[in-house]
Amino acid sequence: MKPATTDAFDGRLADNIVYFARTLRKAGMRVGPAAVTDAIEAVKTAGVGDRDDFYWVLHSVLVNRHEDHVIFDEAFRLYWRSRDLVEKMIAMFSPVAPDMRERQKLKAGETRVSQALFEGHEKARPPEEKPEIEVDARFSSSGNEVLRKTDFAQMTAPEIARAKKALADLVLPDDRVVTRRFRQTHRPGRIDPRATMRGALRSGGELILPAFRTQREVHPPLVVLADISGSMSQYTRIFLHFLHVLTERRRRVHTFLFGTRLTNVTRQMRHKDPDEALAECADAVKDWQGGTRIATTLAEFNRLWGRRVLGQGAVVLIITDGLERDGTDDLSREMDRLHRSCRRLIWLNPLLRFDGFEPRARGVQAMLPHVDEFRAVHNLDAISGLVAALGAGKSRDADPRRFMTARRLAAA
């Protein structure tokens, strides 16, 4: 690209920046009129030396949240790459033969950006007269069923809003555990001597009525360790909405985010508004969408937080793809220590969305022997299965030993 001049801004460049910002807004980003004006002024001031300079000038003004980086990157790739843009527009209005080749999996955020970018062309297209066809829908699926099976990374902006509402409406698990403490009850059973004597003293000992007690049942502590690296940020952000619902409706939910370092965001997640809670989490975390050091962060958690939050039969959810950048010897040791410190350790991995998943990565092989359950976390159905599992106990379908057995058979 050539440096921007006054003539260029008198032409179409400023209009294109405005339309680009409008596309970002439709894709779910928070881009207001003031940000658009600042972006135009920034390009005027900095000039456009090459494509990378232009990218980062717009990025520095229009992107204010970590999770918006994926949307901006995909929108910039589609909008400011003229040849691909022309090909997409021609493909929209030209009849083509059906493509029988296997489609490449969409990138994270590509569906939202494409929908926002070509929304005007879809509205301008004349309505097609379709013949009325009677369809037997007894074995078809509704829109809600399709939404529940849609990958979080491929959802459009309206679908993400519907998914957040569905997460808020989930029936939470009744996973209470019996404690050693007691509470008073009116049902006959175990006699409470102290309460019985207190009642007798009120009547001077003339009337002694037995009082009863039973063991108290409480929700066990729920500890969540969520990966926020580049490959996990889309899934972790949606799952944090589910954790926000849990934090509102039950006590002792502790949330930790990790990438290259560990960050405790339990206090931020207690905010009443979910968007404000996630915004405060993003401000507190310094390594969002960075690398992954699972062993280092687990060692820090075990050393600083294990004794504080893992008491009274705690359940631990660890959300990561297991792609460790460091060695796996420390990872196996820290996973074993974490497993011994909690009552139940559940690993949520979005890689399970792929059919024929095999634990080939060294990090995955080091972690699998030390977890009680191995589950997916890529769509609403997966989270609903997790909720059911928290209330019902261990499931054979989530047993990690089936992956380890299949791995040993393949190696033999």
Protein backbone atom coordinates (compact mmCIF):
# COMPACT_ATOMS: atom_id res chain seq x y z
CA MET A 1 0.00 0.00 0.00
CA LYS A 2 1.09 3.56 -0.67
CA PRO A 3 1.15 6.21 2.05
CA ALA A 4 -2.25 7.79 2.58
CA THR A 5 -2.72 11.28 1.18
CA THR A 6 -5.40 13.96 1.47
CA ASP A 7 -6.70 13.04 -1.99
CA ALA A 8 -7.13 9.45 -0.85
CA PHE A 9 -9.31 10.54 2.05
CA ASP A 10 -11.29 12.83 -0.24
CA GLY A 11 -11.95 9.64 -2.22
CA ARG A 12 -13.09 6.26 -0.92
CA LEU A 13 -10.63 5.29 1.82
CA ALA A 14 -12.47 7.09 4.62
CA ASP A 15 -15.79 5.64 3.42
CA ASN A 16 -14.27 2.18 3.38
CA ILE A 17 -13.04 2.58 6.96
CA VAL A 18 -16.56 3.62 7.99
CA TYR A 19 -18.07 0.59 6.26
CA PHE A 20 -15.39 -1.66 7.77
CA ALA A 21 -16.24 -0.38 11.26
CA ARG A 22 -19.93 -0.99 10.54
CA THR A 23 -19.07 -4.58 9.61
CA LEU A 24 -17.21 -5.04 12.90
CA ARG A 25 -20.21 -3.70 14.82
CA LYS A 26 -22.58 -6.14 13.11
CA ALA A 27 -20.17 -8.97 13.89
CA GLY A 28 -20.49 -8.26 17.62
CA MET A 29 -17.72 -5.77 18.40
CA ARG A 30 -18.31 -2.56 20.36
CA VAL A 31 -17.38 0.08 17.78
CA GLY A 32 -19.03 3.50 18.15
CA PRO A 33 -18.96 6.65 15.99
CA ALA A 34 -16.17 8.17 18.07
CA ALA A 35 -13.97 5.11 17.46
CA VAL A 36 -14.58 5.39 13.70
CA THR A 37 -13.56 9.05 13.71
CA ASP A 38 -10.46 8.22 15.73
CA ALA A 39 -9.56 5.43 13.28
CA ILE A 40 -9.74 7.79 10.30
CA GLU A 41 -7.64 10.41 12.10
CA ALA A 42 -5.13 7.75 13.14
CA VAL A 43 -4.69 6.58 9.54
CA LYS A 44 -4.28 10.20 8.42
CA THR A 45 -1.62 10.78 11.06
CA ALA A 46 0.31 7.53 10.78
CA GLY A 47 -0.07 7.01 7.06
CA VAL A 48 -0.25 3.60 5.41
CA GLY A 49 3.22 2.31 4.64
CA ASP A 50 2.23 -1.31 4.09
CA ARG A 51 -0.53 -3.76 4.94
CA ASP A 52 0.83 -4.57 8.42
CA ASP A 53 1.05 -0.89 9.38
CA PHE A 54 -2.53 -0.32 8.24
CA TYR A 55 -3.68 -3.41 10.19
CA TRP A 56 -2.13 -2.33 13.47
CA VAL A 57 -3.25 1.30 13.16
CA LEU A 58 -6.87 0.19 12.87
CA HIS A 59 -6.38 -2.55 15.49
CA SER A 60 -5.01 -0.11 18.09
CA VAL A 61 -8.11 2.09 17.79
CA LEU A 62 -10.99 -0.33 17.15
CA VAL A 63 -10.05 -3.33 19.34
CA ASN A 64 -10.55 -2.77 23.07
CA ARG A 65 -11.22 -6.32 24.28
CA HIS A 66 -9.07 -9.45 24.02
CA GLU A 67 -11.90 -11.56 22.63
CA ASP A 68 -12.44 -9.12 19.72
CA HIS A 69 -9.02 -9.84 18.23
CA VAL A 70 -10.26 -12.92 16.33
CA ILE A 71 -13.23 -11.05 14.84
CA PHE A 72 -11.09 -8.08 13.79
CA ASP A 73 -8.43 -10.31 12.25
CA GLU A 74 -10.94 -12.26 10.17
CA ALA A 75 -12.84 -9.10 9.13
CA PHE A 76 -9.63 -7.38 8.05
CA ARG A 77 -8.59 -10.44 6.05
CA LEU A 78 -11.91 -10.55 4.19
CA TYR A 79 -12.52 -6.82 3.74
CA TRP A 80 -9.09 -5.48 2.80
CA ARG A 81 -8.08 -8.32 0.49
CA SER A 82 -9.63 -7.16 -2.73
CA ARG A 83 -9.19 -10.30 -4.80
CA ASP A 84 -10.87 -12.57 -2.25
CA LEU A 85 -13.59 -9.98 -1.73
CA VAL A 86 -14.39 -9.82 -5.45
CA GLU A 87 -14.45 -13.60 -5.70
CA LYS A 88 -16.86 -13.85 -2.77
CA MET A 89 -19.17 -11.22 -4.30
CA ILE A 90 -19.14 -12.92 -7.69
CA ALA A 91 -19.88 -16.26 -6.06
CA MET A 92 -22.92 -14.76 -4.34
CA PHE A 93 -24.62 -13.62 -7.56
CA SER A 94 -23.41 -16.23 -10.07
CA PRO A 95 -24.79 -19.78 -10.45
CA VAL A 96 -22.14 -22.40 -9.82
CA ALA A 97 -22.02 -26.14 -10.03
CA PRO A 98 -22.32 -27.93 -6.69
CA ASP A 99 -18.95 -28.50 -5.07
CA MET A 100 -18.58 -32.13 -4.01
CA ARG A 101 -15.19 -31.60 -2.35
CA GLU A 102 -14.84 -31.80 1.41
CA ARG A 103 -15.21 -28.33 2.87
CA GLN A 104 -12.42 -26.88 4.95
CA LYS A 105 -13.38 -26.18 8.57
CA LEU A 106 -14.16 -22.50 9.13
CA LYS A 107 -11.87 -20.41 11.26
CA ALA A 108 -13.01 -19.09 14.61
CA GLY A 109 -15.23 -16.03 14.06
CA GLU A 110 -15.38 -16.42 10.25
CA THR A 111 -19.14 -17.09 10.22
CA ARG A 112 -19.95 -13.91 12.16
CA VAL A 113 -17.69 -11.73 10.03
CA SER A 114 -18.97 -13.10 6.70
CA GLN A 115 -22.57 -12.66 7.78
CA ALA A 116 -21.93 -9.06 8.86
CA LEU A 117 -19.89 -8.22 5.76
CA PHE A 118 -22.47 -9.38 3.19
CA GLU A 119 -25.62 -8.52 5.09
CA GLY A 120 -26.41 -5.61 2.77
CA HIS A 121 -26.13 -7.76 -0.36
CA GLU A 122 -28.42 -10.38 1.13
CA LYS A 123 -31.07 -7.73 1.89
CA ALA A 124 -30.78 -6.25 -1.62
CA ARG A 125 -31.27 -9.62 -3.31
CA PRO A 126 -34.85 -9.93 -4.68
CA PRO A 127 -37.00 -12.50 -2.91
CA GLU A 128 -37.17 -15.84 -4.60
CA GLU A 129 -40.50 -17.46 -5.28
CA LYS A 130 -40.28 -20.92 -3.82
CA PRO A 131 -42.89 -23.56 -4.44
CA GLU A 132 -44.81 -24.83 -1.47
CA ILE A 133 -43.51 -28.23 -0.47
CA GLU A 134 -45.03 -30.44 2.16
CA VAL A 135 -42.33 -31.85 4.39
CA ASP A 136 -42.66 -34.62 6.89
CA ALA A 137 -40.80 -33.14 9.88
CA ARG A 138 -41.25 -35.99 12.29
CA PHE A 139 -37.58 -36.96 12.07
CA SER A 140 -36.13 -33.49 11.54
CA SER A 141 -34.46 -31.25 14.11
CA SER A 142 -35.62 -27.84 15.31
CA GLY A 143 -33.56 -24.65 15.38
CA ASN A 144 -32.89 -25.13 19.08
CA GLU A 145 -31.51 -28.61 18.45
CA VAL A 146 -29.21 -27.26 15.73
CA LEU A 147 -28.01 -24.49 18.05
CA ARG A 148 -27.20 -26.99 20.78
CA LYS A 149 -24.92 -28.92 18.41
CA THR A 150 -23.21 -25.87 16.87
CA ASP A 151 -19.56 -25.33 17.72
CA PHE A 152 -19.05 -22.22 19.87
CA ALA A 153 -16.20 -21.02 17.62
CA GLN A 154 -18.45 -21.12 14.52
CA MET A 155 -21.53 -19.40 16.00
CA THR A 156 -22.82 -16.14 14.60
CA ALA A 157 -23.38 -13.14 16.87
CA PRO A 158 -27.16 -13.82 17.28
CA GLU A 159 -26.43 -17.49 17.96
CA ILE A 160 -23.94 -16.56 20.69
CA ALA A 161 -26.60 -14.36 22.32
CA ARG A 162 -29.06 -17.26 22.22
CA ALA A 163 -26.41 -19.61 23.60
CA LYS A 164 -25.75 -17.27 26.54
CA LYS A 165 -29.47 -17.20 27.31
CA ALA A 166 -29.62 -21.01 27.10
CA LEU A 167 -26.71 -21.28 29.54
CA ALA A 168 -28.50 -18.97 31.97
CA ASP A 169 -31.63 -21.20 31.79
CA LEU A 170 -29.80 -24.47 32.50
CA VAL A 171 -31.05 -26.49 35.45
CA LEU A 172 -28.07 -26.61 37.78
CA PRO A 173 -26.90 -29.92 39.25
CA ASP A 174 -28.03 -31.09 42.67
CA ASP A 175 -24.68 -32.48 43.75
CA ARG A 176 -24.93 -32.00 47.50
CA VAL A 177 -22.61 -33.92 49.82
CA VAL A 178 -23.14 -34.89 53.46
CA THR A 179 -20.97 -33.05 55.99
CA ARG A 180 -20.07 -33.84 59.59
CA ARG A 181 -22.08 -30.89 60.90
CA PHE A 182 -25.75 -31.11 61.88
CA ARG A 183 -28.87 -29.03 61.50
CA GLN A 184 -32.20 -29.17 63.35
CA THR A 185 -35.11 -31.03 61.77
CA HIS A 186 -38.71 -31.83 62.69
CA ARG A 187 -38.54 -35.36 61.33
CA PRO A 188 -38.00 -38.08 63.95
CA GLY A 189 -34.57 -39.60 63.79
CA ARG A 190 -31.35 -38.81 65.61
CA ILE A 191 -32.03 -37.01 68.91
CA ASP A 192 -30.34 -33.65 69.53
CA PRO A 193 -29.43 -33.69 73.27
CA ARG A 194 -28.54 -30.01 73.51
CA ALA A 195 -31.71 -28.78 71.84
CA THR A 196 -33.75 -31.18 73.96
CA MET A 197 -32.26 -29.85 77.22
CA ARG A 198 -32.71 -26.22 76.14
CA GLY A 199 -36.39 -26.90 75.53
CA ALA A 200 -36.75 -28.62 78.88
CA LEU A 201 -35.18 -25.65 80.72
CA ARG A 202 -37.82 -23.32 79.30
CA SER A 203 -40.54 -25.29 81.10
CA GLY A 204 -38.56 -25.88 84.27
CA GLY A 205 -38.05 -29.55 83.47
CA GLU A 206 -41.74 -30.40 83.73
CA LEU A 207 -42.09 -31.08 79.99
CA ILE A 208 -39.34 -32.75 78.03
CA LEU A 209 -39.95 -32.96 74.28
CA PRO A 210 -37.23 -34.58 72.17
CA ALA A 211 -35.57 -32.48 69.46
CA PHE A 212 -34.03 -34.05 66.39
CA ARG A 213 -31.13 -33.30 64.12
CA THR A 214 -29.75 -34.53 60.82
CA GLN A 215 -26.49 -34.16 58.96
CA ARG A 216 -26.18 -31.02 56.86
CA GLU A 217 -25.93 -31.32 53.08
CA VAL A 218 -24.08 -28.63 51.11
CA HIS A 219 -22.76 -28.13 47.60
CA PRO A 220 -19.08 -29.11 47.43
CA PRO A 221 -16.60 -26.42 46.41
CA LEU A 222 -16.29 -26.11 42.63
CA VAL A 223 -12.85 -25.06 41.38
CA VAL A 224 -12.38 -24.18 37.72
CA LEU A 225 -9.02 -23.87 35.95
CA ALA A 226 -9.69 -22.43 32.48
CA ASP A 227 -7.16 -22.09 29.66
CA ILE A 228 -7.27 -18.68 27.90
CA SER A 229 -4.58 -19.29 25.27
CA GLY A 230 -5.20 -18.47 21.61
CA SER A 231 -6.67 -21.89 20.76
CA MET A 232 -9.01 -21.89 23.79
CA SER A 233 -10.22 -18.30 24.19
CA GLN A 234 -13.46 -18.78 22.20
CA TYR A 235 -14.57 -21.77 24.28
CA THR A 236 -13.42 -20.36 27.61
CA ARG A 237 -15.33 -17.11 27.13
CA ILE A 238 -18.64 -18.92 26.52
CA PHE A 239 -17.98 -21.28 29.42
CA LEU A 240 -17.39 -18.30 31.71
CA HIS A 241 -21.03 -17.33 31.16
CA PHE A 242 -22.03 -20.72 32.53
CA LEU A 243 -19.66 -20.25 35.48
CA HIS A 244 -21.21 -16.85 36.15
CA VAL A 245 -24.61 -18.55 36.52
CA LEU A 246 -23.09 -21.11 38.90
CA THR A 247 -21.40 -18.37 40.93
CA GLU A 248 -24.74 -16.57 41.35
CA ARG A 249 -26.69 -19.63 42.47
CA ARG A 250 -24.27 -21.53 44.70
CA ARG A 251 -21.52 -20.78 47.17
CA ARG A 252 -17.82 -21.60 46.94
CA VAL A 253 -17.20 -21.40 43.20
CA HIS A 254 -13.55 -20.49 42.57
CA THR A 255 -12.45 -19.52 39.06
CA PHE A 256 -8.84 -19.35 37.85
CA LEU A 257 -7.65 -18.42 34.35
CA PHE A 258 -4.27 -19.44 33.03
CA GLY A 259 -2.13 -19.09 29.94
CA THR A 260 1.48 -18.43 30.76
CA ARG A 261 0.53 -17.38 34.30
CA LEU A 262 -2.26 -18.04 36.81
CA THR A 263 -4.91 -15.40 37.61
CA ASN A 264 -7.62 -15.70 40.26
CA VAL A 265 -10.83 -14.07 38.93
CA THR A 266 -13.24 -15.35 41.59
CA ARG A 267 -13.96 -11.83 42.84
CA GLN A 268 -14.56 -10.51 39.30
CA MET A 269 -17.00 -13.35 38.53
CA ARG A 270 -19.24 -12.31 41.46
CA HIS A 271 -20.38 -9.20 39.59
CA LYS A 272 -24.14 -9.34 38.94
CA ASP A 273 -23.98 -8.45 35.25
CA PRO A 274 -22.28 -11.20 33.17
CA ASP A 275 -20.85 -8.80 30.59
CA GLU A 276 -19.36 -6.60 33.30
CA ALA A 277 -17.98 -9.69 35.04
CA LEU A 278 -16.23 -10.89 31.88
CA ALA A 279 -14.95 -7.39 31.14
CA GLU A 280 -13.37 -7.23 34.60
CA CYS A 281 -11.85 -10.69 34.02
CA ALA A 282 -10.31 -9.48 30.76
CA ASP A 283 -8.85 -6.45 32.55
CA ALA A 284 -7.39 -8.61 35.32
CA VAL A 285 -5.75 -11.12 32.94
CA LYS A 286 -2.51 -10.05 31.26
CA ASP A 287 -1.88 -13.12 29.06
CA TRP A 288 -5.18 -13.55 27.22
CA GLN A 289 -4.72 -15.37 23.86
CA GLY A 290 -1.05 -15.98 24.54
CA GLY A 291 0.87 -19.22 24.96
CA THR A 292 0.20 -22.11 27.34
CA ARG A 293 2.27 -23.32 30.28
CA ILE A 294 0.04 -25.84 32.00
CA ALA A 295 2.67 -27.42 34.25
CA THR A 296 3.91 -24.06 35.57
CA THR A 297 0.43 -22.74 36.33
CA LEU A 298 -0.66 -26.01 37.98
CA ALA A 299 2.44 -25.91 40.18
CA GLU A 300 1.57 -22.37 41.23
CA PHE A 301 -2.03 -23.38 41.96
CA ASN A 302 -1.01 -26.41 44.01
CA ARG A 303 1.50 -24.36 45.99
CA LEU A 304 -0.53 -21.21 46.66
CA TRP A 305 -4.22 -22.14 46.38
CA GLY A 306 -4.59 -25.90 46.84
CA ARG A 307 -5.08 -25.90 50.61
CA ARG A 308 -7.35 -22.84 50.48
CA VAL A 309 -9.97 -24.03 47.97
CA LEU A 310 -9.68 -27.83 47.68
CA GLY A 311 -11.18 -28.79 51.04
CA GLN A 312 -14.49 -30.53 51.83
CA GLY A 313 -14.60 -32.76 48.76
CA ALA A 314 -13.96 -30.15 46.08
CA VAL A 315 -14.71 -30.86 42.41
CA VAL A 316 -12.14 -29.51 39.95
CA LEU A 317 -12.89 -28.66 36.31
CA ILE A 318 -9.84 -28.08 34.12
CA ILE A 319 -10.58 -26.63 30.68
CA THR A 320 -7.71 -26.92 28.22
CA ASP A 321 -6.70 -28.66 25.01
CA GLY A 322 -3.61 -30.12 26.70
CA LEU A 323 -1.15 -28.63 24.20
CA GLU A 324 1.74 -27.97 26.57
CA ARG A 325 4.68 -25.93 25.27
CA ASP A 326 7.10 -27.04 28.03
CA GLY A 327 8.18 -30.51 29.18
CA THR A 328 5.64 -33.10 30.32
CA ASP A 329 7.47 -34.56 33.34
CA ASP A 330 6.45 -31.68 35.60
CA LEU A 331 2.95 -31.72 34.10
CA SER A 332 2.37 -35.37 35.07
CA ARG A 333 3.62 -34.73 38.61
CA GLU A 334 1.45 -31.62 39.15
CA MET A 335 -1.63 -33.33 37.70
CA ASP A 336 -1.12 -36.24 40.08
CA ARG A 337 -0.88 -33.86 43.04
CA LEU A 338 -4.03 -32.02 41.95
CA HIS A 339 -5.88 -35.33 41.50
CA ARG A 340 -4.97 -36.47 45.01
CA SER A 341 -6.10 -33.15 46.54
CA CYS A 342 -9.69 -33.15 45.22
CA ARG A 343 -12.63 -35.52 45.28
CA ARG A 344 -13.22 -35.47 41.54
CA LEU A 345 -11.17 -34.11 38.62
CA ILE A 346 -12.95 -33.52 35.30
CA TRP A 347 -11.05 -32.51 32.16
CA LEU A 348 -13.01 -30.55 29.53
CA ASN A 349 -11.29 -30.60 26.14
CA PRO A 350 -12.74 -29.06 22.92
CA LEU A 351 -10.58 -31.39 20.80
CA LEU A 352 -13.07 -34.16 21.57
CA ARG A 353 -15.41 -32.56 19.04
CA PHE A 354 -13.39 -34.28 16.31
CA ASP A 355 -14.37 -37.83 15.42
CA GLY A 356 -11.58 -40.31 15.93
CA PHE A 357 -9.72 -38.16 18.45
CA GLU A 358 -6.49 -39.80 19.62
CA PRO A 359 -4.30 -38.60 22.52
CA ARG A 360 -1.13 -38.16 20.48
CA ALA A 361 0.09 -34.89 22.01
CA ARG A 362 2.54 -35.39 24.87
CA GLY A 363 0.64 -33.03 27.12
CA VAL A 364 -2.59 -34.98 26.63
CA GLN A 365 -0.81 -38.28 27.34
CA ALA A 366 0.67 -36.85 30.54
CA MET A 367 -2.69 -35.56 31.84
CA LEU A 368 -5.09 -38.38 30.96
CA PRO A 369 -3.97 -40.91 33.62
CA HIS A 370 -4.71 -38.41 36.40
CA VAL A 371 -8.32 -37.38 35.59
CA ASP A 372 -11.59 -39.04 36.56
CA GLU A 373 -13.58 -37.92 33.51
CA PHE A 374 -12.69 -36.68 30.03
CA ARG A 375 -15.42 -34.59 28.36
CA ALA A 376 -15.99 -32.22 25.45
CA VAL A 377 -16.83 -28.55 25.95
CA HIS A 378 -17.48 -27.23 22.41
CA ASN A 379 -21.27 -26.78 22.35
CA LEU A 380 -24.41 -26.53 24.48
CA ASP A 381 -25.00 -30.28 24.44
CA ALA A 382 -21.54 -30.83 25.92
CA ILE A 383 -22.21 -28.37 28.77
CA SER A 384 -25.62 -29.95 29.41
CA GLY A 385 -23.89 -33.32 29.67
CA LEU A 386 -21.46 -31.83 32.17
CA VAL A 387 -24.34 -30.49 34.30
CA ALA A 388 -25.99 -33.91 34.31
CA ALA A 389 -22.69 -35.58 35.21
CA LEU A 390 -22.09 -33.23 38.16
CA GLY A 391 -25.43 -34.28 39.63
CA ALA A 392 -25.37 -37.97 38.75
CA GLY A 393 -21.76 -38.99 39.40
CA LYS A 394 -19.18 -40.65 37.21
CA SER A 395 -20.12 -41.89 33.75
CA ARG A 396 -18.58 -44.71 31.75
CA ASP A 397 -18.90 -42.66 28.55
CA ALA A 398 -16.43 -40.10 29.96
CA ASP A 399 -13.93 -42.64 31.31
CA PRO A 400 -10.44 -41.54 30.16
CA ARG A 401 -9.19 -45.14 30.24
CA ARG A 402 -10.90 -45.92 26.94
CA PHE A 403 -8.62 -43.42 25.20
CA MET A 404 -5.53 -44.79 26.91
CA THR A 405 -6.52 -48.38 26.05
CA ALA A 406 -7.10 -47.45 22.41
CA ARG A 407 -3.73 -45.73 22.35
CA ARG A 408 -1.93 -48.82 23.72
CA LEU A 409 -3.69 -51.10 21.22
CA ALA A 410 -2.71 -48.84 18.33
CA ALA A 411 0.93 -48.77 19.52
CA ALA A 412 0.97 -52.59 19.78
